[in-house]
Amino acid sequence: MTYRILLVDDEPLARQRLQRLLQAHPDFCVAGEAAHGDAALDWLQQHQADLVLLDIQMPGRNGLDTAAAIQQLAQPPLLVFCTAHDEYALQAFTVQAIDYLLKPVRPEDLTRALQRAGEWL
């Protein structure tokens, strides 16, 4: 089975880096991308994702608010935060994130998060 990922980050280079790192994980494919929280929620209204890799600091709705809205969906995907800010880690788990990765995301940290996601899916 291939798990579908939505990448949500306002920085195109950060999304591209995650895409490159994900190439080493054939069980996961990037199904969509969004540059901010509202775009992510719009995408999730029309498509299905198993996992969302989500930045916190974005214009408009931040990642924590986006995550809270995602949890209200009928079948919410799993959430992993990918952020440069370590101070939001505790808040991230209140919106049921399964992992919290600091940028630049290291391949071994992404592997750990994907293994955790695979256990939940």
PDB file of N, CA and C in Angstrom:
ATOM      1  N   MET A   1       0.842  -1.193   0.000  1.00  0.00           N
ATOM      2  CA  MET A   1       0.000   0.000   0.000  1.00  0.00           C
ATOM      3  C   MET A   1       0.881   1.248   0.000  1.00  0.00           C
ATOM      4  N   THR A   2       0.453   2.253  -0.717  1.00  0.00           N
ATOM      5  CA  THR A   2       1.163   3.526  -0.746  1.00  0.00           C
ATOM      6  C   THR A   2       0.344   4.552   0.030  1.00  0.00           C
ATOM      7  N   TYR A   3       1.004   5.230   0.955  1.00  0.00           N
ATOM      8  CA  TYR A   3       0.353   6.245   1.774  1.00  0.00           C
ATOM      9  C   TYR A   3       0.504   7.612   1.119  1.00  0.00           C
ATOM     10  N   ARG A   4      -0.586   8.370   1.159  1.00  0.00           N
ATOM     11  CA  ARG A   4      -0.635   9.677   0.502  1.00  0.00           C
ATOM     12  C   ARG A   4      -0.290  10.791   1.490  1.00  0.00           C
ATOM     13  N   ILE A   5       0.638  11.657   1.068  1.00  0.00           N
ATOM     14  CA  ILE A   5       1.110  12.756   1.916  1.00  0.00           C
ATOM     15  C   ILE A   5       0.723  14.094   1.300  1.00  0.00           C
ATOM     16  N   LEU A   6       0.286  15.014   2.156  1.00  0.00           N
ATOM     17  CA  LEU A   6       0.097  16.413   1.781  1.00  0.00           C
ATOM     18  C   LEU A   6       1.211  17.217   2.452  1.00  0.00           C
ATOM     19  N   LEU A   7       1.988  17.951   1.647  1.00  0.00           N
ATOM     20  CA  LEU A   7       3.039  18.825   2.168  1.00  0.00           C
ATOM     21  C   LEU A   7       2.478  20.230   2.315  1.00  0.00           C
ATOM     22  N   VAL A   8       2.632  20.817   3.503  1.00  0.00           N
ATOM     23  CA  VAL A   8       2.117  22.159   3.752  1.00  0.00           C
ATOM     24  C   VAL A   8       3.251  23.016   4.317  1.00  0.00           C
ATOM     25  N   ASP A   9       3.742  23.938   3.495  1.00  0.00           N
ATOM     26  CA  ASP A   9       4.822  24.827   3.905  1.00  0.00           C
ATOM     27  C   ASP A   9       4.796  26.024   2.978  1.00  0.00           C
ATOM     28  N   ASP A  10       4.980  27.219   3.534  1.00  0.00           N
ATOM     29  CA  ASP A  10       4.956  28.418   2.693  1.00  0.00           C
ATOM     30  C   ASP A  10       6.256  28.593   1.913  1.00  0.00           C
ATOM     31  N   GLU A  11       7.287  27.801   2.205  1.00  0.00           N
ATOM     32  CA  GLU A  11       8.562  27.908   1.512  1.00  0.00           C
ATOM     33  C   GLU A  11       8.681  26.799   0.452  1.00  0.00           C
ATOM     34  N   PRO A  12       8.677  27.167  -0.829  1.00  0.00           N
ATOM     35  CA  PRO A  12       8.802  26.149  -1.888  1.00  0.00           C
ATOM     36  C   PRO A  12      10.049  25.282  -1.726  1.00  0.00           C
ATOM     37  N   LEU A  13      11.163  25.861  -1.289  1.00  0.00           N
ATOM     38  CA  LEU A  13      12.392  25.078  -1.133  1.00  0.00           C
ATOM     39  C   LEU A  13      12.246  24.027  -0.036  1.00  0.00           C
ATOM     40  N   ALA A  14      11.508  24.350   1.012  1.00  0.00           N
ATOM     41  CA  ALA A  14      11.278  23.376   2.079  1.00  0.00           C
ATOM     42  C   ALA A  14      10.427  22.217   1.558  1.00  0.00           C
ATOM     43  N   ARG A  15       9.417  22.519   0.740  1.00  0.00           N
ATOM     44  CA  ARG A  15       8.597  21.455   0.156  1.00  0.00           C
ATOM     45  C   ARG A  15       9.440  20.585  -0.782  1.00  0.00           C
ATOM     46  N   GLN A  16      10.301  21.226  -1.571  1.00  0.00           N
ATOM     47  CA  GLN A  16      11.153  20.471  -2.492  1.00  0.00           C
ATOM     48  C   GLN A  16      12.108  19.561  -1.727  1.00  0.00           C
ATOM     49  N   ARG A  17      12.664  20.045  -0.626  1.00  0.00           N
ATOM     50  CA  ARG A  17      13.581  19.216   0.172  1.00  0.00           C
ATOM     51  C   ARG A  17      12.839  18.004   0.727  1.00  0.00           C
ATOM     52  N   LEU A  18      11.630  18.208   1.243  1.00  0.00           N
ATOM     53  CA  LEU A  18      10.860  17.073   1.760  1.00  0.00           C
ATOM     54  C   LEU A  18      10.553  16.080   0.644  1.00  0.00           C
ATOM     55  N   GLN A  19      10.230  16.594  -0.533  1.00  0.00           N
ATOM     56  CA  GLN A  19       9.965  15.692  -1.664  1.00  0.00           C
ATOM     57  C   GLN A  19      11.184  14.834  -1.973  1.00  0.00           C
ATOM     58  N   ARG A  20      12.367  15.459  -1.959  1.00  0.00           N
ATOM     59  CA  ARG A  20      13.600  14.699  -2.223  1.00  0.00           C
ATOM     60  C   ARG A  20      13.811  13.636  -1.151  1.00  0.00           C
ATOM     61  N   LEU A  21      13.630  14.004   0.114  1.00  0.00           N
ATOM     62  CA  LEU A  21      13.821  13.044   1.204  1.00  0.00           C
ATOM     63  C   LEU A  21      12.814  11.898   1.113  1.00  0.00           C
ATOM     64  N   LEU A  22      11.608  12.203   0.680  1.00  0.00           N
ATOM     65  CA  LEU A  22      10.560  11.178   0.593  1.00  0.00           C
ATOM     66  C   LEU A  22      10.819  10.175  -0.537  1.00  0.00           C
ATOM     67  N   GLN A  23      11.665  10.525  -1.486  1.00  0.00           N
ATOM     68  CA  GLN A  23      11.966   9.590  -2.579  1.00  0.00           C
ATOM     69  C   GLN A  23      12.592   8.298  -2.057  1.00  0.00           C
ATOM     70  N   ALA A  24      13.203   8.349  -0.887  1.00  0.00           N
ATOM     71  CA  ALA A  24      13.815   7.153  -0.294  1.00  0.00           C
ATOM     72  C   ALA A  24      12.776   6.251   0.381  1.00  0.00           C
ATOM     73  N   HIS A  25      11.510   6.656   0.340  1.00  0.00           N
ATOM     74  CA  HIS A  25      10.441   5.924   1.031  1.00  0.00           C
ATOM     75  C   HIS A  25       9.333   5.585   0.033  1.00  0.00           C
ATOM     76  N   PRO A  26       9.471   4.476  -0.695  1.00  0.00           N
ATOM     77  CA  PRO A  26       8.513   4.158  -1.768  1.00  0.00           C
ATOM     78  C   PRO A  26       7.090   3.877  -1.269  1.00  0.00           C
ATOM     79  N   ASP A  27       6.913   3.638   0.017  1.00  0.00           N
ATOM     80  CA  ASP A  27       5.561   3.411   0.546  1.00  0.00           C
ATOM     81  C   ASP A  27       4.794   4.712   0.748  1.00  0.00           C
ATOM     82  N   PHE A  28       5.452   5.842   0.534  1.00  0.00           N
ATOM     83  CA  PHE A  28       4.825   7.149   0.728  1.00  0.00           C
ATOM     84  C   PHE A  28       4.967   7.965  -0.550  1.00  0.00           C
ATOM     85  N   CYS A  29       3.881   8.617  -0.971  1.00  0.00           N
ATOM     86  CA  CYS A  29       3.949   9.479  -2.148  1.00  0.00           C
ATOM     87  C   CYS A  29       3.340  10.832  -1.806  1.00  0.00           C
ATOM     88  N   VAL A  30       3.871  11.875  -2.420  1.00  0.00           N
ATOM     89  CA  VAL A  30       3.336  13.217  -2.241  1.00  0.00           C
ATOM     90  C   VAL A  30       2.110  13.348  -3.140  1.00  0.00           C
ATOM     91  N   ALA A  31       0.956  13.450  -2.517  1.00  0.00           N
ATOM     92  CA  ALA A  31      -0.298  13.545  -3.264  1.00  0.00           C
ATOM     93  C   ALA A  31      -0.670  14.990  -3.550  1.00  0.00           C
ATOM     94  N   GLY A  32      -0.138  15.922  -2.743  1.00  0.00           N
ATOM     95  CA  GLY A  32      -0.475  17.324  -2.935  1.00  0.00           C
ATOM     96  C   GLY A  32       0.431  18.219  -2.131  1.00  0.00           C
ATOM     97  N   GLU A  33       0.366  19.506  -2.464  1.00  0.00           N
ATOM     98  CA  GLU A  33       1.143  20.522  -1.763  1.00  0.00           C
ATOM     99  C   GLU A  33       0.252  21.724  -1.518  1.00  0.00           C
ATOM    100  N   ALA A  34       0.542  22.426  -0.423  1.00  0.00           N
ATOM    101  CA  ALA A  34      -0.168  23.668  -0.114  1.00  0.00           C
ATOM    102  C   ALA A  34       0.825  24.639   0.517  1.00  0.00           C
ATOM    103  N   ALA A  35       0.664  25.924   0.208  1.00  0.00           N
ATOM    104  CA  ALA A  35       1.590  26.938   0.700  1.00  0.00           C
ATOM    105  C   ALA A  35       1.118  27.592   1.996  1.00  0.00           C
ATOM    106  N   HIS A  36      -0.115  27.286   2.426  1.00  0.00           N
ATOM    107  CA  HIS A  36      -0.609  27.848   3.687  1.00  0.00           C
ATOM    108  C   HIS A  36      -1.778  27.000   4.188  1.00  0.00           C
ATOM    109  N   GLY A  37      -2.191  27.276   5.410  1.00  0.00           N
ATOM    110  CA  GLY A  37      -3.202  26.455   6.068  1.00  0.00           C
ATOM    111  C   GLY A  37      -4.541  26.400   5.358  1.00  0.00           C
ATOM    112  N   ASP A  38      -5.020  27.536   4.875  1.00  0.00           N
ATOM    113  CA  ASP A  38      -6.325  27.530   4.204  1.00  0.00           C
ATOM    114  C   ASP A  38      -6.286  26.693   2.932  1.00  0.00           C
ATOM    115  N   ALA A  39      -5.166  26.773   2.199  1.00  0.00           N
ATOM    116  CA  ALA A  39      -5.027  25.960   0.981  1.00  0.00           C
ATOM    117  C   ALA A  39      -4.993  24.479   1.341  1.00  0.00           C
ATOM    118  N   ALA A  40      -4.356  24.145   2.465  1.00  0.00           N
ATOM    119  CA  ALA A  40      -4.306  22.742   2.907  1.00  0.00           C
ATOM    120  C   ALA A  40      -5.702  22.236   3.229  1.00  0.00           C
ATOM    121  N   LEU A  41      -6.484  23.043   3.933  1.00  0.00           N
ATOM    122  CA  LEU A  41      -7.843  22.628   4.287  1.00  0.00           C
ATOM    123  C   LEU A  41      -8.715  22.495   3.041  1.00  0.00           C
ATOM    124  N   ASP A  42      -8.549  23.416   2.095  1.00  0.00           N
ATOM    125  CA  ASP A  42      -9.297  23.304   0.835  1.00  0.00           C
ATOM    126  C   ASP A  42      -8.933  22.005   0.119  1.00  0.00           C
ATOM    127  N   TRP A  43      -7.627  21.694   0.072  1.00  0.00           N
ATOM    128  CA  TRP A  43      -7.174  20.471  -0.599  1.00  0.00           C
ATOM    129  C   TRP A  43      -7.779  19.240   0.075  1.00  0.00           C
ATOM    130  N   LEU A  44      -7.780  19.242   1.404  1.00  0.00           N
ATOM    131  CA  LEU A  44      -8.289  18.078   2.148  1.00  0.00           C
ATOM    132  C   LEU A  44      -9.805  17.922   2.024  1.00  0.00           C
ATOM    133  N   GLN A  45     -10.511  18.985   1.662  1.00  0.00           N
ATOM    134  CA  GLN A  45     -11.952  18.877   1.418  1.00  0.00           C
ATOM    135  C   GLN A  45     -12.223  18.090   0.138  1.00  0.00           C
ATOM    136  N   GLN A  46     -11.245  18.114  -0.787  1.00  0.00           N
ATOM    137  CA  GLN A  46     -11.454  17.503  -2.101  1.00  0.00           C
ATOM    138  C   GLN A  46     -10.662  16.219  -2.316  1.00  0.00           C
ATOM    139  N   HIS A  47      -9.629  15.985  -1.496  1.00  0.00           N
ATOM    140  CA  HIS A  47      -8.743  14.841  -1.683  1.00  0.00           C
ATOM    141  C   HIS A  47      -8.518  14.146  -0.341  1.00  0.00           C
ATOM    142  N   GLN A  48      -8.004  12.934  -0.433  1.00  0.00           N
ATOM    143  CA  GLN A  48      -7.710  12.158   0.769  1.00  0.00           C
ATOM    144  C   GLN A  48      -6.195  12.102   0.971  1.00  0.00           C
ATOM    145  N   ALA A  49      -5.755  12.328   2.197  1.00  0.00           N
ATOM    146  CA  ALA A  49      -4.345  12.157   2.558  1.00  0.00           C
ATOM    147  C   ALA A  49      -4.291  11.269   3.797  1.00  0.00           C
ATOM    148  N   ASP A  50      -3.233  10.484   3.881  1.00  0.00           N
ATOM    149  CA  ASP A  50      -3.016   9.661   5.070  1.00  0.00           C
ATOM    150  C   ASP A  50      -2.180  10.402   6.101  1.00  0.00           C
ATOM    151  N   LEU A  51      -1.347  11.320   5.612  1.00  0.00           N
ATOM    152  CA  LEU A  51      -0.390  12.018   6.468  1.00  0.00           C
ATOM    153  C   LEU A  51      -0.204  13.432   5.941  1.00  0.00           C
ATOM    154  N   VAL A  52      -0.117  14.390   6.870  1.00  0.00           N
ATOM    155  CA  VAL A  52       0.180  15.776   6.509  1.00  0.00           C
ATOM    156  C   VAL A  52       1.486  16.162   7.180  1.00  0.00           C
ATOM    157  N   LEU A  53       2.450  16.625   6.374  1.00  0.00           N
ATOM    158  CA  LEU A  53       3.680  17.213   6.901  1.00  0.00           C
ATOM    159  C   LEU A  53       3.460  18.717   6.896  1.00  0.00           C
ATOM    160  N   LEU A  54       3.468  19.318   8.077  1.00  0.00           N
ATOM    161  CA  LEU A  54       2.903  20.646   8.272  1.00  0.00           C
ATOM    162  C   LEU A  54       3.887  21.592   8.949  1.00  0.00           C
ATOM    163  N   ASP A  55       4.118  22.733   8.331  1.00  0.00           N
ATOM    164  CA  ASP A  55       4.918  23.803   8.934  1.00  0.00           C
ATOM    165  C   ASP A  55       4.053  24.527   9.967  1.00  0.00           C
ATOM    166  N   ILE A  56       4.687  25.274  10.862  1.00  0.00           N
ATOM    167  CA  ILE A  56       3.909  26.027  11.860  1.00  0.00           C
ATOM    168  C   ILE A  56       3.817  27.499  11.478  1.00  0.00           C
ATOM    169  N   GLN A  57       4.944  28.134  11.189  1.00  0.00           N
ATOM    170  CA  GLN A  57       4.949  29.559  10.862  1.00  0.00           C
ATOM    171  C   GLN A  57       4.626  29.758   9.390  1.00  0.00           C
ATOM    172  N   MET A  58       3.377  30.146   9.108  1.00  0.00           N
ATOM    173  CA  MET A  58       2.942  30.400   7.734  1.00  0.00           C
ATOM    174  C   MET A  58       2.054  31.631   7.742  1.00  0.00           C
ATOM    175  N   PRO A  59       1.944  32.320   6.609  1.00  0.00           N
ATOM    176  CA  PRO A  59       1.030  33.460   6.546  1.00  0.00           C
ATOM    177  C   PRO A  59      -0.419  32.997   6.720  1.00  0.00           C
ATOM    178  N   GLY A  60      -1.235  33.859   7.295  1.00  0.00           N
ATOM    179  CA  GLY A  60      -2.637  33.485   7.513  1.00  0.00           C
ATOM    180  C   GLY A  60      -2.747  32.505   8.667  1.00  0.00           C
ATOM    181  N   ARG A  61      -3.486  31.445   8.461  1.00  0.00           N
ATOM    182  CA  ARG A  61      -3.716  30.424   9.483  1.00  0.00           C
ATOM    183  C   ARG A  61      -2.405  29.668   9.743  1.00  0.00           C
ATOM    184  N   ASN A  62      -1.926  29.683  10.989  1.00  0.00           N
ATOM    185  CA  ASN A  62      -0.667  28.984  11.262  1.00  0.00           C
ATOM    186  C   ASN A  62      -0.886  27.470  11.341  1.00  0.00           C
ATOM    187  N   GLY A  63       0.199  26.745  11.469  1.00  0.00           N
ATOM    188  CA  GLY A  63       0.129  25.292  11.457  1.00  0.00           C
ATOM    189  C   GLY A  63      -0.676  24.701  12.596  1.00  0.00           C
ATOM    190  N   LEU A  64      -0.580  25.302  13.773  1.00  0.00           N
ATOM    191  CA  LEU A  64      -1.342  24.770  14.912  1.00  0.00           C
ATOM    192  C   LEU A  64      -2.841  24.938  14.691  1.00  0.00           C
ATOM    193  N   ASP A  65      -3.244  26.105  14.193  1.00  0.00           N
ATOM    194  CA  ASP A  65      -4.669  26.324  13.897  1.00  0.00           C
ATOM    195  C   ASP A  65      -5.141  25.411  12.763  1.00  0.00           C
ATOM    196  N   THR A  66      -4.278  25.218  11.779  1.00  0.00           N
ATOM    197  CA  THR A  66      -4.607  24.323  10.670  1.00  0.00           C
ATOM    198  C   THR A  66      -4.783  22.896  11.190  1.00  0.00           C
ATOM    199  N   ALA A  67      -3.875  22.478  12.067  1.00  0.00           N
ATOM    200  CA  ALA A  67      -3.952  21.126  12.629  1.00  0.00           C
ATOM    201  C   ALA A  67      -5.243  20.937  13.417  1.00  0.00           C
ATOM    202  N   ALA A  68      -5.628  21.937  14.186  1.00  0.00           N
ATOM    203  CA  ALA A  68      -6.874  21.837  14.947  1.00  0.00           C
ATOM    204  C   ALA A  68      -8.066  21.696  14.008  1.00  0.00           C
ATOM    205  N   ALA A  69      -8.058  22.431  12.885  1.00  0.00           N
ATOM    206  CA  ALA A  69      -9.142  22.330  11.909  1.00  0.00           C
ATOM    207  C   ALA A  69      -9.121  20.957  11.230  1.00  0.00           C
ATOM    208  N   ILE A  70      -7.939  20.438  10.952  1.00  0.00           N
ATOM    209  CA  ILE A  70      -7.829  19.119  10.321  1.00  0.00           C
ATOM    210  C   ILE A  70      -8.435  18.046  11.222  1.00  0.00           C
ATOM    211  N   GLN A  71      -8.246  18.174  12.529  1.00  0.00           N
ATOM    212  CA  GLN A  71      -8.781  17.179  13.462  1.00  0.00           C
ATOM    213  C   GLN A  71     -10.311  17.142  13.438  1.00  0.00           C
ATOM    214  N   GLN A  72     -10.944  18.189  12.920  1.00  0.00           N
ATOM    215  CA  GLN A  72     -12.406  18.228  12.841  1.00  0.00           C
ATOM    216  C   GLN A  72     -12.950  17.510  11.605  1.00  0.00           C
ATOM    217  N   LEU A  73     -12.073  17.113  10.688  1.00  0.00           N
ATOM    218  CA  LEU A  73     -12.525  16.422   9.479  1.00  0.00           C
ATOM    219  C   LEU A  73     -13.070  15.041   9.837  1.00  0.00           C
ATOM    220  N   ALA A  74     -13.905  14.505   8.975  1.00  0.00           N
ATOM    221  CA  ALA A  74     -14.519  13.194   9.222  1.00  0.00           C
ATOM    222  C   ALA A  74     -13.459  12.101   9.376  1.00  0.00           C
ATOM    223  N   GLN A  75     -12.450  12.116   8.520  1.00  0.00           N
ATOM    224  CA  GLN A  75     -11.342  11.146   8.605  1.00  0.00           C
ATOM    225  C   GLN A  75     -10.032  11.919   8.579  1.00  0.00           C
ATOM    226  N   PRO A  76      -9.628  12.479   9.722  1.00  0.00           N
ATOM    227  CA  PRO A  76      -8.417  13.312   9.709  1.00  0.00           C
ATOM    228  C   PRO A  76      -7.166  12.490   9.443  1.00  0.00           C
ATOM    229  N   PRO A  77      -6.268  13.012   8.613  1.00  0.00           N
ATOM    230  CA  PRO A  77      -4.988  12.336   8.393  1.00  0.00           C
ATOM    231  C   PRO A  77      -4.095  12.503   9.622  1.00  0.00           C
ATOM    232  N   LEU A  78      -3.052  11.703   9.690  1.00  0.00           N
ATOM    233  CA  LEU A  78      -2.043  11.873  10.728  1.00  0.00           C
ATOM    234  C   LEU A  78      -1.275  13.154  10.460  1.00  0.00           C
ATOM    235  N   LEU A  79      -0.710  13.743  11.516  1.00  0.00           N
ATOM    236  CA  LEU A  79       0.013  15.009  11.397  1.00  0.00           C
ATOM    237  C   LEU A  79       1.432  14.870  11.915  1.00  0.00           C
ATOM    238  N   VAL A  80       2.385  15.388  11.138  1.00  0.00           N
ATOM    239  CA  VAL A  80       3.764  15.532  11.585  1.00  0.00           C
ATOM    240  C   VAL A  80       4.160  16.977  11.292  1.00  0.00           C
ATOM    241  N   PHE A  81       4.586  17.684  12.335  1.00  0.00           N
ATOM    242  CA  PHE A  81       5.051  19.052  12.132  1.00  0.00           C
ATOM    243  C   PHE A  81       6.497  19.045  11.669  1.00  0.00           C
ATOM    244  N   CYS A  82       6.811  19.908  10.707  1.00  0.00           N
ATOM    245  CA  CYS A  82       8.166  20.129  10.212  1.00  0.00           C
ATOM    246  C   CYS A  82       8.401  21.631  10.308  1.00  0.00           C
ATOM    247  N   THR A  83       9.160  22.064  11.304  1.00  0.00           N
ATOM    248  CA  THR A  83       9.275  23.484  11.588  1.00  0.00           C
ATOM    249  C   THR A  83      10.662  23.843  12.089  1.00  0.00           C
ATOM    250  N   ALA A  84      11.015  25.097  11.954  1.00  0.00           N
ATOM    251  CA  ALA A  84      12.293  25.581  12.466  1.00  0.00           C
ATOM    252  C   ALA A  84      12.168  26.023  13.927  1.00  0.00           C
ATOM    253  N   HIS A  85      10.981  25.940  14.484  1.00  0.00           N
ATOM    254  CA  HIS A  85      10.717  26.487  15.820  1.00  0.00           C
ATOM    255  C   HIS A  85      10.444  25.376  16.825  1.00  0.00           C
ATOM    256  N   ASP A  86      11.361  25.198  17.780  1.00  0.00           N
ATOM    257  CA  ASP A  86      11.173  24.130  18.765  1.00  0.00           C
ATOM    258  C   ASP A  86      10.201  24.500  19.873  1.00  0.00           C
ATOM    259  N   GLU A  87       9.860  25.788  20.007  1.00  0.00           N
ATOM    260  CA  GLU A  87       9.041  26.211  21.147  1.00  0.00           C
ATOM    261  C   GLU A  87       7.569  25.790  21.052  1.00  0.00           C
ATOM    262  N   TYR A  88       7.152  25.233  19.916  1.00  0.00           N
ATOM    263  CA  TYR A  88       5.752  24.834  19.765  1.00  0.00           C
ATOM    264  C   TYR A  88       5.528  23.337  19.979  1.00  0.00           C
ATOM    265  N   ALA A  89       6.560  22.626  20.372  1.00  0.00           N
ATOM    266  CA  ALA A  89       6.470  21.161  20.433  1.00  0.00           C
ATOM    267  C   ALA A  89       5.337  20.688  21.341  1.00  0.00           C
ATOM    268  N   LEU A  90       5.213  21.246  22.529  1.00  0.00           N
ATOM    269  CA  LEU A  90       4.144  20.786  23.433  1.00  0.00           C
ATOM    270  C   LEU A  90       2.770  21.074  22.854  1.00  0.00           C
ATOM    271  N   GLN A  91       2.600  22.253  22.270  1.00  0.00           N
ATOM    272  CA  GLN A  91       1.310  22.585  21.653  1.00  0.00           C
ATOM    273  C   GLN A  91       0.996  21.636  20.504  1.00  0.00           C
ATOM    274  N   ALA A  92       2.014  21.200  19.787  1.00  0.00           N
ATOM    275  CA  ALA A  92       1.806  20.311  18.641  1.00  0.00           C
ATOM    276  C   ALA A  92       1.130  19.017  19.072  1.00  0.00           C
ATOM    277  N   PHE A  93       1.467  18.526  20.241  1.00  0.00           N
ATOM    278  CA  PHE A  93       0.891  17.255  20.667  1.00  0.00           C
ATOM    279  C   PHE A  93      -0.536  17.428  21.187  1.00  0.00           C
ATOM    280  N   THR A  94      -0.934  18.652  21.526  1.00  0.00           N
ATOM    281  CA  THR A  94      -2.326  18.873  21.922  1.00  0.00           C
ATOM    282  C   THR A  94      -3.266  18.790  20.723  1.00  0.00           C
ATOM    283  N   VAL A  95      -2.727  18.923  19.506  1.00  0.00           N
ATOM    284  CA  VAL A  95      -3.544  18.755  18.292  1.00  0.00           C
ATOM    285  C   VAL A  95      -3.246  17.403  17.648  1.00  0.00           C
ATOM    286  N   GLN A  96      -2.781  16.460  18.467  1.00  0.00           N
ATOM    287  CA  GLN A  96      -2.571  15.053  18.097  1.00  0.00           C
ATOM    288  C   GLN A  96      -1.519  14.814  17.024  1.00  0.00           C
ATOM    289  N   ALA A  97      -0.490  15.656  16.978  1.00  0.00           N
ATOM    290  CA  ALA A  97       0.626  15.371  16.073  1.00  0.00           C
ATOM    291  C   ALA A  97       1.313  14.091  16.537  1.00  0.00           C
ATOM    292  N   ILE A  98       1.756  13.279  15.585  1.00  0.00           N
ATOM    293  CA  ILE A  98       2.449  12.045  15.968  1.00  0.00           C
ATOM    294  C   ILE A  98       3.959  12.251  16.032  1.00  0.00           C
ATOM    295  N   ASP A  99       4.448  13.380  15.479  1.00  0.00           N
ATOM    296  CA  ASP A  99       5.876  13.669  15.573  1.00  0.00           C
ATOM    297  C   ASP A  99       6.091  15.153  15.316  1.00  0.00           C
ATOM    298  N   TYR A 100       7.308  15.603  15.634  1.00  0.00           N
ATOM    299  CA  TYR A 100       7.674  17.018  15.540  1.00  0.00           C
ATOM    300  C   TYR A 100       9.114  17.070  15.066  1.00  0.00           C
ATOM    301  N   LEU A 101       9.321  17.453  13.813  1.00  0.00           N
ATOM    302  CA  LEU A 101      10.645  17.464  13.220  1.00  0.00           C
ATOM    303  C   LEU A 101      11.139  18.897  13.060  1.00  0.00           C
ATOM    304  N   LEU A 102      12.393  19.115  13.425  1.00  0.00           N
ATOM    305  CA  LEU A 102      12.979  20.440  13.278  1.00  0.00           C
ATOM    306  C   LEU A 102      13.683  20.559  11.931  1.00  0.00           C
ATOM    307  N   LYS A 103      13.523  21.729  11.308  1.00  0.00           N
ATOM    308  CA  LYS A 103      14.190  22.017  10.044  1.00  0.00           C
ATOM    309  C   LYS A 103      15.629  22.443  10.322  1.00  0.00           C
ATOM    310  N   PRO A 104      16.566  22.149   9.437  1.00  0.00           N
ATOM    311  CA  PRO A 104      16.320  21.311   8.263  1.00  0.00           C
ATOM    312  C   PRO A 104      16.068  19.861   8.685  1.00  0.00           C
ATOM    313  N   VAL A 105      15.033  19.267   8.112  1.00  0.00           N
ATOM    314  CA  VAL A 105      14.643  17.911   8.474  1.00  0.00           C
ATOM    315  C   VAL A 105      15.761  16.946   8.089  1.00  0.00           C
ATOM    316  N   ARG A 106      16.177  16.164   9.063  1.00  0.00           N
ATOM    317  CA  ARG A 106      17.226  15.165   8.801  1.00  0.00           C
ATOM    318  C   ARG A 106      16.581  13.883   8.286  1.00  0.00           C
ATOM    319  N   PRO A 107      17.239  13.205   7.339  1.00  0.00           N
ATOM    320  CA  PRO A 107      16.657  11.974   6.776  1.00  0.00           C
ATOM    321  C   PRO A 107      16.274  10.954   7.847  1.00  0.00           C
ATOM    322  N   GLU A 108      17.103  10.782   8.864  1.00  0.00           N
ATOM    323  CA  GLU A 108      16.798   9.778   9.888  1.00  0.00           C
ATOM    324  C   GLU A 108      15.580  10.173  10.726  1.00  0.00           C
ATOM    325  N   ASP A 109      15.372  11.478  10.924  1.00  0.00           N
ATOM    326  CA  ASP A 109      14.182  11.917  11.661  1.00  0.00           C
ATOM    327  C   ASP A 109      12.920  11.689  10.835  1.00  0.00           C
ATOM    328  N   LEU A 110      12.993  11.970   9.538  1.00  0.00           N
ATOM    329  CA  LEU A 110      11.848  11.722   8.667  1.00  0.00           C
ATOM    330  C   LEU A 110      11.534  10.227   8.616  1.00  0.00           C
ATOM    331  N   THR A 111      12.565   9.400   8.538  1.00  0.00           N
ATOM    332  CA  THR A 111      12.359   7.947   8.524  1.00  0.00           C
ATOM    333  C   THR A 111      11.634   7.500   9.782  1.00  0.00           C
ATOM    334  N   ARG A 112      12.061   8.011  10.923  1.00  0.00           N
ATOM    335  CA  ARG A 112      11.409   7.657  12.196  1.00  0.00           C
ATOM    336  C   ARG A 112       9.929   8.077  12.182  1.00  0.00           C
ATOM    337  N   ALA A 113       9.659   9.294  11.716  1.00  0.00           N
ATOM    338  CA  ALA A 113       8.282   9.785  11.681  1.00  0.00           C
ATOM    339  C   ALA A 113       7.429   8.940  10.739  1.00  0.00           C
ATOM    340  N   LEU A 114       7.978   8.557   9.594  1.00  0.00           N
ATOM    341  CA  LEU A 114       7.219   7.744   8.643  1.00  0.00           C
ATOM    342  C   LEU A 114       6.986   6.337   9.185  1.00  0.00           C
ATOM    343  N   GLN A 115       7.956   5.812   9.901  1.00  0.00           N
ATOM    344  CA  GLN A 115       7.745   4.487  10.517  1.00  0.00           C
ATOM    345  C   GLN A 115       6.628   4.569  11.547  1.00  0.00           C
ATOM    346  N   ARG A 116       6.630   5.634  12.319  1.00  0.00           N
ATOM    347  CA  ARG A 116       5.567   5.831  13.321  1.00  0.00           C
ATOM    348  C   ARG A 116       4.210   5.953  12.615  1.00  0.00           C
ATOM    349  N   ALA A 117       4.175   6.715  11.531  1.00  0.00           N
ATOM    350  CA  ALA A 117       2.926   6.878  10.781  1.00  0.00           C
ATOM    351  C   ALA A 117       2.446   5.521  10.257  1.00  0.00           C
ATOM    352  N   GLY A 118       3.390   4.738   9.730  1.00  0.00           N
ATOM    353  CA  GLY A 118       3.021   3.422   9.203  1.00  0.00           C
ATOM    354  C   GLY A 118       2.413   2.508  10.255  1.00  0.00           C
ATOM    355  N   GLU A 119       2.843   2.665  11.500  1.00  0.00           N
ATOM    356  CA  GLU A 119       2.263   1.851  12.588  1.00  0.00           C
ATOM    357  C   GLU A 119       0.834   2.284  12.886  1.00  0.00           C
ATOM    358  N   TRP A 120       0.524   3.555  12.673  1.00  0.00           N
ATOM    359  CA  TRP A 120      -0.814   4.086  12.970  1.00  0.00           C
ATOM    360  C   TRP A 120      -1.799   3.857  11.818  1.00  0.00           C
ATOM    361  N   LEU A 121      -1.259   3.762  10.594  1.00  0.00           N
ATOM    362  CA  LEU A 121      -2.138   3.682   9.422  1.00  0.00           C
ATOM    363  C   LEU A 121      -2.597   2.251   9.161  1.00  0.00           C
TER     364      LEU A 121
END
